[in-house]
Amino acid sequence: MNTEFEHDLGKLLARHNLGVLVSTESVSGGDINETYRLKTTEGQFFLKKNSAVRFPNMFEAEKRGLELISASDFIVPKPVLVGHVGNQQILILEWIERGSPRPEFWSVFGRNLAKMHSISNGSFGLDHDNYIGSLLQSNSEKETWADFYREERLIPQMKLAEKNGLLTSAMKRGFEALFVELENIFPTEKPSLLHGDLWSGNMMVVADGLPSIYDPAVYFGHREMDLAMMTLFGGFGNAWVETYNEVYPLESGWQERVPIEQLYPLLVHVNLFGGGYGSDVEHILKRF
């Protein structure tokens, strides 16, 4: 963090009654944003910064997403301030200390996740767009999950992959076949409030041993989408399933549908990190 930015940040903090800036410390917080631990005379905060030009309204959307999932029983960092320092956008959150998990950690996680998924909406989507990683995520509302998943999730990522020369002919054929079957694959359920990017890096154990989730890509969708993301890169195990089912029982066959729901995050990874993930997409689509 350069001196000019730190000086202007200090003035912004003072204007919003967040105290006098004492120190800044770079901390780990993802691949997209610069992240810092702020110490002021009013306490400690977590700061994220990024280009306001490259990613317009990213942090405003994140703030709104955090506020939505805070209606669940999960511990969610409270947004303190969204603003700009020069051409940089910033998001300031409350600072949450890490801890060690309680024995009942995963039971609590499963129960909290089911309660969050029980929060519903009249349609699939959201009243505003947001981001998944550094990619724009369109949330135009649809009446059915099949329409939303095809039109707002898979097709936009396919078009981006094609533009970048990453969409193979095998992937095209596979998606065409999938779209014919899509309406018959998913059980009919009401839209669920989703975290939207629920991999292990967006969850932590807080000081009292309970789960916290953050960095959301929120929308109302089919709840199995969160489960698919959880299983894509691991780190969650299966201990959460029992208490989840006590609150909001999963439909039979959800494990078999997981690969189809993983197509969206895998396409996102194709577009963010290159074609290496394309083989995973092709493998899933072979069944069609």
Protein backbone atom coordinates (compact mmCIF):
# COMPACT_ATOMS: atom_id res chain seq x y z
CA MET A 1 0.00 0.00 0.00
CA ASN A 2 1.65 3.22 -1.13
CA THR A 3 1.92 6.31 1.06
CA GLU A 4 -0.51 8.43 -0.97
CA PHE A 5 -3.20 5.73 -0.88
CA GLU A 6 -2.69 5.23 2.85
CA HIS A 7 -2.96 8.97 3.45
CA ASP A 8 -6.21 9.24 1.46
CA LEU A 9 -7.56 6.09 3.14
CA GLY A 10 -6.91 7.66 6.53
CA LYS A 11 -8.93 10.71 5.57
CA LEU A 12 -11.80 8.50 4.36
CA LEU A 13 -11.80 6.54 7.61
CA ALA A 14 -11.89 9.75 9.63
CA ARG A 15 -14.84 11.11 7.62
CA HIS A 16 -16.81 7.97 8.44
CA ASN A 17 -15.93 7.99 12.13
CA LEU A 18 -13.77 4.86 11.87
CA GLY A 19 -10.92 6.38 13.84
CA VAL A 20 -7.37 7.44 13.08
CA LEU A 21 -5.42 4.97 10.95
CA VAL A 22 -2.65 3.44 13.07
CA SER A 23 -1.25 0.71 10.79
CA THR A 24 -1.90 -1.45 7.74
CA GLU A 25 -0.73 -5.02 7.29
CA SER A 26 -1.01 -7.08 4.10
CA VAL A 27 -2.85 -10.37 4.70
CA SER A 28 -3.91 -13.31 2.55
CA GLY A 29 -7.37 -12.93 1.10
CA GLY A 30 -7.64 -14.40 -2.38
CA ASP A 31 -6.19 -14.02 -5.85
CA ILE A 32 -8.28 -11.12 -7.07
CA ASN A 33 -8.08 -8.37 -4.47
CA GLU A 34 -5.38 -6.82 -2.34
CA THR A 35 -6.30 -7.41 1.29
CA TYR A 36 -5.13 -5.74 4.49
CA ARG A 37 -5.63 -5.72 8.22
CA LEU A 38 -6.29 -2.18 9.37
CA LYS A 39 -5.72 -0.95 12.90
CA THR A 40 -7.35 2.32 13.85
CA THR A 41 -8.10 4.04 17.12
CA GLU A 42 -11.62 2.54 16.83
CA GLY A 43 -10.45 -1.07 16.40
CA GLN A 44 -9.42 -3.55 13.68
CA PHE A 45 -10.92 -3.94 10.20
CA PHE A 46 -10.45 -6.04 7.08
CA LEU A 47 -9.83 -4.05 3.89
CA LYS A 48 -10.20 -5.20 0.29
CA LYS A 49 -9.10 -3.01 -2.62
CA ASN A 50 -9.20 -3.32 -6.38
CA SER A 51 -9.58 -1.29 -9.54
CA ALA A 52 -12.88 0.54 -9.80
CA VAL A 53 -12.38 0.74 -13.57
CA ARG A 54 -11.77 -2.95 -14.27
CA PHE A 55 -14.42 -4.28 -11.87
CA PRO A 56 -17.12 -1.61 -11.49
CA ASN A 57 -19.43 -2.02 -8.48
CA MET A 58 -17.76 -5.29 -7.43
CA PHE A 59 -17.64 -4.37 -3.76
CA GLU A 60 -21.10 -2.83 -3.70
CA ALA A 61 -22.42 -6.17 -5.01
CA GLU A 62 -20.35 -8.05 -2.43
CA LYS A 63 -21.74 -5.86 0.34
CA ARG A 64 -25.29 -6.61 -0.77
CA GLY A 65 -24.49 -10.32 -0.94
CA LEU A 66 -23.07 -10.35 2.57
CA GLU A 67 -26.16 -8.58 3.84
CA LEU A 68 -28.38 -11.21 2.22
CA ILE A 69 -26.58 -14.21 3.69
CA SER A 70 -26.38 -12.51 7.08
CA ALA A 71 -30.08 -13.38 7.38
CA SER A 72 -28.91 -16.97 7.91
CA ASP A 73 -27.40 -18.38 11.12
CA PHE A 74 -23.88 -18.27 9.70
CA ILE A 75 -21.37 -15.83 11.12
CA VAL A 76 -20.85 -13.32 8.29
CA PRO A 77 -18.42 -10.38 8.38
CA LYS A 78 -20.38 -7.16 8.64
CA PRO A 79 -19.77 -4.60 5.86
CA VAL A 80 -18.60 -1.34 7.38
CA LEU A 81 -17.87 0.85 4.35
CA VAL A 82 -17.84 0.71 0.56
CA GLY A 83 -16.03 3.60 -1.08
CA HIS A 84 -13.32 4.86 -3.42
CA VAL A 85 -9.79 6.06 -2.88
CA GLY A 86 -8.63 7.56 -6.15
CA ASN A 87 -9.33 5.01 -8.90
CA GLN A 88 -9.42 2.18 -6.36
CA GLN A 89 -12.60 0.78 -4.86
CA ILE A 90 -12.47 -0.46 -1.29
CA LEU A 91 -14.60 -2.61 0.97
CA ILE A 92 -14.06 -2.46 4.72
CA LEU A 93 -15.42 -5.32 6.83
CA GLU A 94 -15.37 -6.10 10.50
CA TRP A 95 -12.28 -8.06 11.52
CA ILE A 96 -13.05 -11.65 12.57
CA GLU A 97 -10.44 -13.72 14.38
CA ARG A 98 -9.74 -17.30 13.38
CA GLY A 99 -10.07 -20.18 15.85
CA SER A 100 -10.21 -23.94 16.21
CA PRO A 101 -13.38 -25.90 15.41
CA ARG A 102 -15.70 -27.17 18.10
CA PRO A 103 -16.50 -30.90 18.03
CA GLU A 104 -19.94 -30.04 16.65
CA PHE A 105 -18.56 -27.70 13.96
CA TRP A 106 -19.80 -29.68 10.95
CA SER A 107 -23.18 -30.36 12.54
CA VAL A 108 -23.62 -26.62 13.00
CA PHE A 109 -22.42 -26.00 9.45
CA GLY A 110 -24.95 -28.43 7.97
CA ARG A 111 -27.80 -26.95 9.99
CA ASN A 112 -26.86 -23.39 9.08
CA LEU A 113 -26.52 -24.24 5.39
CA ALA A 114 -29.96 -25.86 5.31
CA LYS A 115 -31.49 -22.84 7.05
CA MET A 116 -29.86 -20.50 4.52
CA HIS A 117 -31.18 -22.61 1.66
CA SER A 118 -34.65 -22.41 3.21
CA ILE A 119 -34.67 -18.65 2.54
CA SER A 120 -36.56 -18.32 -0.73
CA ASN A 121 -37.67 -15.93 -3.44
CA GLY A 122 -40.39 -15.76 -6.06
CA SER A 123 -38.07 -16.56 -8.96
CA PHE A 124 -34.59 -17.83 -9.76
CA GLY A 125 -31.97 -15.09 -9.97
CA LEU A 126 -31.55 -11.78 -8.17
CA ASP A 127 -32.54 -8.15 -8.51
CA HIS A 128 -28.95 -7.17 -9.35
CA ASP A 129 -25.92 -8.65 -11.08
CA ASN A 130 -22.66 -9.43 -9.31
CA TYR A 131 -19.36 -11.25 -9.81
CA ILE A 132 -18.00 -14.75 -9.48
CA GLY A 133 -14.28 -14.33 -9.07
CA SER A 134 -13.42 -11.51 -11.45
CA LEU A 135 -16.12 -12.46 -13.99
CA LEU A 136 -19.46 -10.70 -14.25
CA GLN A 137 -22.38 -12.88 -13.18
CA SER A 138 -25.77 -12.10 -14.72
CA ASN A 139 -28.73 -12.79 -12.43
CA SER A 140 -31.70 -11.92 -14.65
CA GLU A 141 -34.66 -13.63 -13.05
CA LYS A 142 -36.33 -16.69 -14.58
CA GLU A 143 -39.35 -18.74 -13.61
CA THR A 144 -37.67 -22.15 -13.85
CA TRP A 145 -34.29 -23.41 -12.72
CA ALA A 146 -33.59 -25.05 -16.09
CA ASP A 147 -34.08 -21.73 -17.89
CA PHE A 148 -31.94 -19.85 -15.41
CA TYR A 149 -29.13 -22.39 -15.40
CA ARG A 150 -29.01 -22.52 -19.19
CA GLU A 151 -29.50 -18.80 -19.97
CA GLU A 152 -27.77 -17.07 -17.06
CA ARG A 153 -25.06 -19.52 -16.08
CA LEU A 154 -23.92 -21.91 -18.81
CA ILE A 155 -24.49 -19.97 -22.04
CA PRO A 156 -22.69 -16.75 -20.91
CA GLN A 157 -19.63 -18.78 -19.87
CA MET A 158 -19.76 -20.79 -23.09
CA LYS A 159 -19.80 -17.59 -25.15
CA LEU A 160 -16.84 -16.20 -23.21
CA ALA A 161 -14.91 -19.46 -23.66
CA GLU A 162 -15.69 -19.46 -27.37
CA LYS A 163 -14.52 -15.85 -27.68
CA ASN A 164 -11.24 -16.85 -26.03
CA GLY A 165 -10.81 -19.97 -28.17
CA LEU A 166 -11.38 -22.32 -25.24
CA LEU A 167 -14.71 -23.91 -26.19
CA THR A 168 -13.99 -27.17 -28.03
CA SER A 169 -16.31 -28.83 -30.54
CA ALA A 170 -16.80 -31.70 -28.07
CA MET A 171 -17.95 -29.21 -25.44
CA LYS A 172 -20.37 -27.58 -27.89
CA ARG A 173 -21.94 -30.92 -28.82
CA GLY A 174 -22.15 -31.95 -25.20
CA PHE A 175 -23.90 -28.78 -24.10
CA GLU A 176 -26.36 -28.98 -26.99
CA ALA A 177 -27.29 -32.50 -25.86
CA LEU A 178 -27.47 -31.43 -22.21
CA PHE A 179 -29.85 -28.57 -22.99
CA VAL A 180 -32.33 -31.01 -24.55
CA GLU A 181 -32.46 -32.94 -21.26
CA LEU A 182 -32.00 -30.11 -18.78
CA GLU A 183 -35.65 -29.64 -17.77
CA ASN A 184 -35.90 -33.33 -16.82
CA ILE A 185 -32.75 -33.51 -14.69
CA PHE A 186 -33.46 -31.40 -11.62
CA PRO A 187 -36.25 -32.02 -9.10
CA THR A 188 -38.69 -29.13 -8.82
CA GLU A 189 -37.84 -26.99 -5.80
CA LYS A 190 -38.39 -23.43 -4.72
CA PRO A 191 -35.46 -21.05 -5.27
CA SER A 192 -32.92 -21.12 -2.43
CA LEU A 193 -30.63 -18.37 -1.21
CA LEU A 194 -27.18 -19.53 -2.31
CA HIS A 195 -23.71 -18.43 -1.29
CA GLY A 196 -22.80 -19.04 -4.94
CA ASP A 197 -19.06 -19.66 -4.54
CA LEU A 198 -18.93 -21.98 -1.55
CA TRP A 199 -15.48 -23.55 -1.72
CA SER A 200 -13.33 -24.10 1.36
CA GLY A 201 -11.40 -20.85 0.83
CA ASN A 202 -14.60 -18.90 1.44
CA MET A 203 -15.26 -20.46 4.83
CA MET A 204 -13.31 -20.32 8.07
CA VAL A 205 -13.49 -21.31 11.71
CA VAL A 206 -13.91 -18.23 13.89
CA ALA A 207 -12.64 -17.67 17.41
CA ASP A 208 -15.59 -19.35 19.12
CA GLY A 209 -15.19 -22.47 16.99
CA LEU A 210 -18.17 -21.89 14.69
CA PRO A 211 -18.33 -21.52 10.88
CA SER A 212 -18.19 -18.24 9.01
CA ILE A 213 -18.77 -17.79 5.28
CA TYR A 214 -17.85 -14.79 3.12
CA ASP A 215 -16.87 -13.69 -0.43
CA PRO A 216 -20.31 -14.62 -1.80
CA ALA A 217 -21.60 -14.69 -5.37
CA VAL A 218 -25.19 -14.66 -4.14
CA TYR A 219 -28.37 -15.47 -6.05
CA PHE A 220 -31.54 -17.52 -5.61
CA GLY A 221 -30.99 -20.84 -7.34
CA HIS A 222 -31.20 -24.59 -6.97
CA ARG A 223 -29.64 -25.40 -3.60
CA GLU A 224 -27.62 -28.29 -5.02
CA MET A 225 -25.40 -25.70 -6.73
CA ASP A 226 -23.78 -24.87 -3.39
CA LEU A 227 -23.29 -28.58 -2.69
CA ALA A 228 -21.67 -29.05 -6.09
CA MET A 229 -19.21 -26.25 -5.39
CA MET A 230 -18.44 -27.69 -1.96
CA THR A 231 -17.52 -31.06 -3.47
CA LEU A 232 -15.62 -29.73 -6.47
CA PHE A 233 -12.39 -28.93 -4.62
CA GLY A 234 -13.04 -30.75 -1.33
CA GLY A 235 -12.52 -29.61 2.23
CA PHE A 236 -16.06 -30.17 3.52
CA GLY A 237 -16.35 -33.94 3.99
CA ASN A 238 -19.76 -35.50 4.64
CA ALA A 239 -20.32 -34.83 8.35
CA TRP A 240 -22.63 -31.89 7.57
CA VAL A 241 -25.16 -33.98 5.61
CA GLU A 242 -27.04 -35.48 8.56
CA THR A 243 -27.95 -32.20 10.22
CA TYR A 244 -28.65 -30.60 6.83
CA ASN A 245 -31.22 -33.32 6.14
CA GLU A 246 -32.81 -32.81 9.55
CA VAL A 247 -33.67 -29.22 8.58
CA TYR A 248 -34.23 -29.42 4.79
CA PRO A 249 -33.99 -32.99 3.46
CA LEU A 250 -32.16 -33.36 0.15
CA GLU A 251 -33.93 -34.94 -2.80
CA SER A 252 -32.76 -38.44 -3.70
CA GLY A 253 -30.04 -38.65 -6.33
CA TRP A 254 -28.44 -35.32 -5.49
CA GLN A 255 -24.94 -36.83 -5.61
CA GLU A 256 -25.55 -38.00 -9.20
CA ARG A 257 -26.60 -34.48 -10.23
CA VAL A 258 -23.54 -32.83 -8.72
CA PRO A 259 -21.33 -33.16 -11.85
CA ILE A 260 -23.95 -31.36 -13.96
CA GLU A 261 -24.05 -28.53 -11.41
CA GLN A 262 -20.26 -28.38 -11.42
CA LEU A 263 -20.27 -27.44 -15.09
CA TYR A 264 -20.80 -23.79 -14.20
CA PRO A 265 -17.85 -23.35 -11.81
CA LEU A 266 -15.71 -25.46 -14.13
CA LEU A 267 -16.51 -23.16 -17.07
CA VAL A 268 -15.70 -20.20 -14.84
CA HIS A 269 -12.31 -21.81 -14.16
CA VAL A 270 -11.81 -22.41 -17.89
CA ASN A 271 -12.33 -18.69 -18.48
CA LEU A 272 -10.25 -17.53 -15.52
CA PHE A 273 -7.35 -19.97 -15.64
CA GLY A 274 -7.25 -21.50 -19.11
CA GLY A 275 -8.32 -24.59 -20.98
CA GLY A 276 -6.95 -27.17 -18.56
CA TYR A 277 -10.35 -27.40 -16.90
CA GLY A 278 -11.96 -28.04 -20.28
CA SER A 279 -11.19 -31.75 -20.10
CA ASP A 280 -13.24 -31.96 -16.89
CA VAL A 281 -16.15 -30.29 -18.67
CA GLU A 282 -15.88 -32.69 -21.61
CA HIS A 283 -15.77 -35.69 -19.27
CA ILE A 284 -19.01 -34.66 -17.54
CA LEU A 285 -20.77 -33.98 -20.83
CA LYS A 286 -19.92 -37.40 -22.28
CA ARG A 287 -22.96 -38.89 -20.55
CA PHE A 288 -25.16 -36.85 -22.88
